[in-house]
Amino acid sequence: MLVACMVDLHNVGTFNVDTGFKAGYLYELEKMLEKVLPHVMLKAKPNLESMIRTLKSDWAIVYDMLSGKNNSGFGWDEHRQLVVAEDVVWNSYINSHKEADQFKHRNFPYYD
């Protein structure tokens, strides 16, 4: 729901700037999420801020595997929303990028 609300917020355009969102967008997201998930009680800070930071970090890990320098052997399974590679490619990459281990068998539906 967080990503869906962020897309909606972007499409409305009120909080858009060239580099992302204007200050105050977290509080607007808080209101939007309260409407669709009324009993969750997520607060802009620290909850949404932390979730977005994690989402950005996860995206950067997946992006590096798919588009980074010297990272051939990785592909994207559009149907399963999953990074794919031969075990030898995964093992080699994970040896130097421990944080990528979580995506060996985990989908990432928000990559696009």
Protein backbone atom coordinates (compact mmCIF):
# COMPACT_ATOMS: atom_id res chain seq x y z
CA MET A 1 0.00 0.00 0.00
CA LEU A 2 2.90 2.36 0.69
CA VAL A 3 4.17 2.14 -2.88
CA ALA A 4 0.63 2.47 -4.29
CA CYS A 5 0.08 5.62 -2.21
CA MET A 6 3.45 7.03 -3.29
CA VAL A 7 2.51 6.47 -6.94
CA ASP A 8 -0.85 8.16 -6.35
CA LEU A 9 0.85 11.07 -4.62
CA HIS A 10 3.25 11.44 -7.54
CA ASN A 11 0.41 11.29 -10.06
CA VAL A 12 -1.49 14.06 -8.24
CA GLY A 13 1.64 16.20 -8.58
CA THR A 14 1.14 18.43 -5.56
CA PHE A 15 4.32 17.27 -3.82
CA ASN A 16 6.54 16.62 -6.87
CA VAL A 17 9.96 18.14 -7.41
CA ASP A 18 12.72 17.17 -9.83
CA THR A 19 14.51 14.98 -7.29
CA GLY A 20 11.48 13.27 -5.71
CA PHE A 21 8.95 14.77 -3.35
CA LYS A 22 8.69 18.12 -1.58
CA ALA A 23 9.10 18.45 2.16
CA GLY A 24 5.94 17.42 3.96
CA TYR A 25 5.08 14.55 1.64
CA LEU A 26 5.48 12.02 4.47
CA TYR A 27 2.59 13.58 6.35
CA GLU A 28 0.43 13.43 3.22
CA LEU A 29 1.36 9.75 2.83
CA GLU A 30 0.41 9.23 6.45
CA LYS A 31 -3.07 10.62 5.74
CA MET A 32 -3.44 8.57 2.57
CA LEU A 33 -2.45 5.35 4.32
CA GLU A 34 -4.79 6.09 7.22
CA LYS A 35 -7.68 6.11 4.73
CA VAL A 36 -6.84 2.72 3.21
CA LEU A 37 -5.44 1.09 6.38
CA PRO A 38 -7.37 2.83 9.15
CA HIS A 39 -6.14 0.78 12.12
CA VAL A 40 -2.47 0.48 11.22
CA MET A 41 -1.55 3.83 12.78
CA LEU A 42 1.68 4.42 10.84
CA LYS A 43 3.30 7.76 11.53
CA ALA A 44 5.29 9.79 9.02
CA LYS A 45 8.25 9.80 11.36
CA PRO A 46 9.65 7.31 12.21
CA ASN A 47 7.50 4.61 10.52
CA LEU A 48 7.08 5.78 6.92
CA GLU A 49 10.48 7.42 6.86
CA SER A 50 12.09 4.12 7.88
CA MET A 51 10.02 2.07 5.43
CA ILE A 52 10.99 4.35 2.54
CA ARG A 53 14.65 4.25 3.54
CA THR A 54 14.50 0.42 3.50
CA LEU A 55 12.70 0.41 0.16
CA LYS A 56 15.37 2.68 -1.35
CA SER A 57 18.16 0.53 0.04
CA ASP A 58 16.58 -2.68 -1.29
CA TRP A 59 16.03 -1.08 -4.69
CA ALA A 60 19.67 0.01 -4.85
CA ILE A 61 20.83 -3.55 -4.13
CA VAL A 62 18.65 -5.01 -6.89
CA TYR A 63 19.58 -2.21 -9.30
CA ASP A 64 23.29 -2.85 -8.74
CA MET A 65 22.85 -6.54 -9.51
CA LEU A 66 20.98 -5.81 -12.72
CA SER A 67 22.79 -2.70 -13.95
CA GLY A 68 26.03 -2.37 -12.02
CA LYS A 69 29.48 -2.58 -13.55
CA ASN A 70 30.91 -6.08 -14.00
CA ASN A 71 27.68 -7.75 -12.87
CA SER A 72 26.88 -9.78 -15.93
CA GLY A 73 25.01 -12.99 -15.38
CA PHE A 74 22.03 -11.47 -13.59
CA GLY A 75 18.63 -11.19 -15.17
CA TRP A 76 15.12 -10.14 -14.23
CA ASP A 77 12.18 -12.54 -14.25
CA GLU A 78 9.28 -10.21 -15.04
CA HIS A 79 6.65 -12.81 -14.20
CA ARG A 80 8.00 -13.64 -10.74
CA GLN A 81 9.48 -10.15 -10.13
CA LEU A 82 12.75 -11.77 -9.15
CA VAL A 83 16.47 -11.41 -9.83
CA VAL A 84 17.72 -14.59 -11.50
CA ALA A 85 21.20 -16.00 -12.06
CA GLU A 86 23.14 -19.23 -11.99
CA ASP A 87 24.26 -20.34 -8.52
CA VAL A 88 27.90 -19.64 -9.35
CA VAL A 89 27.03 -16.02 -10.22
CA TRP A 90 25.00 -15.59 -7.02
CA ASN A 91 27.68 -17.13 -4.81
CA SER A 92 30.42 -14.99 -6.30
CA TYR A 93 28.38 -11.80 -5.93
CA ILE A 94 27.21 -12.58 -2.39
CA ASN A 95 30.81 -13.14 -1.28
CA SER A 96 31.48 -9.44 -1.82
CA HIS A 97 27.91 -8.11 -1.39
CA LYS A 98 26.43 -9.83 1.68
CA GLU A 99 23.34 -7.60 1.64
CA ALA A 100 22.28 -9.12 -1.71
CA ASP A 101 21.77 -12.58 -0.19
CA GLN A 102 18.19 -11.69 0.76
CA PHE A 103 17.22 -11.40 -2.91
CA LYS A 104 18.43 -14.82 -4.03
CA HIS A 105 14.98 -16.30 -3.39
CA ARG A 106 12.90 -13.20 -2.66
CA ASN A 107 10.84 -11.29 -5.14
CA PHE A 108 10.93 -7.52 -5.37
CA PRO A 109 7.60 -6.45 -6.90
CA TYR A 110 8.32 -2.71 -6.72
CA TYR A 111 11.49 -2.68 -8.82
CA ASP A 112 9.87 -1.18 -11.93
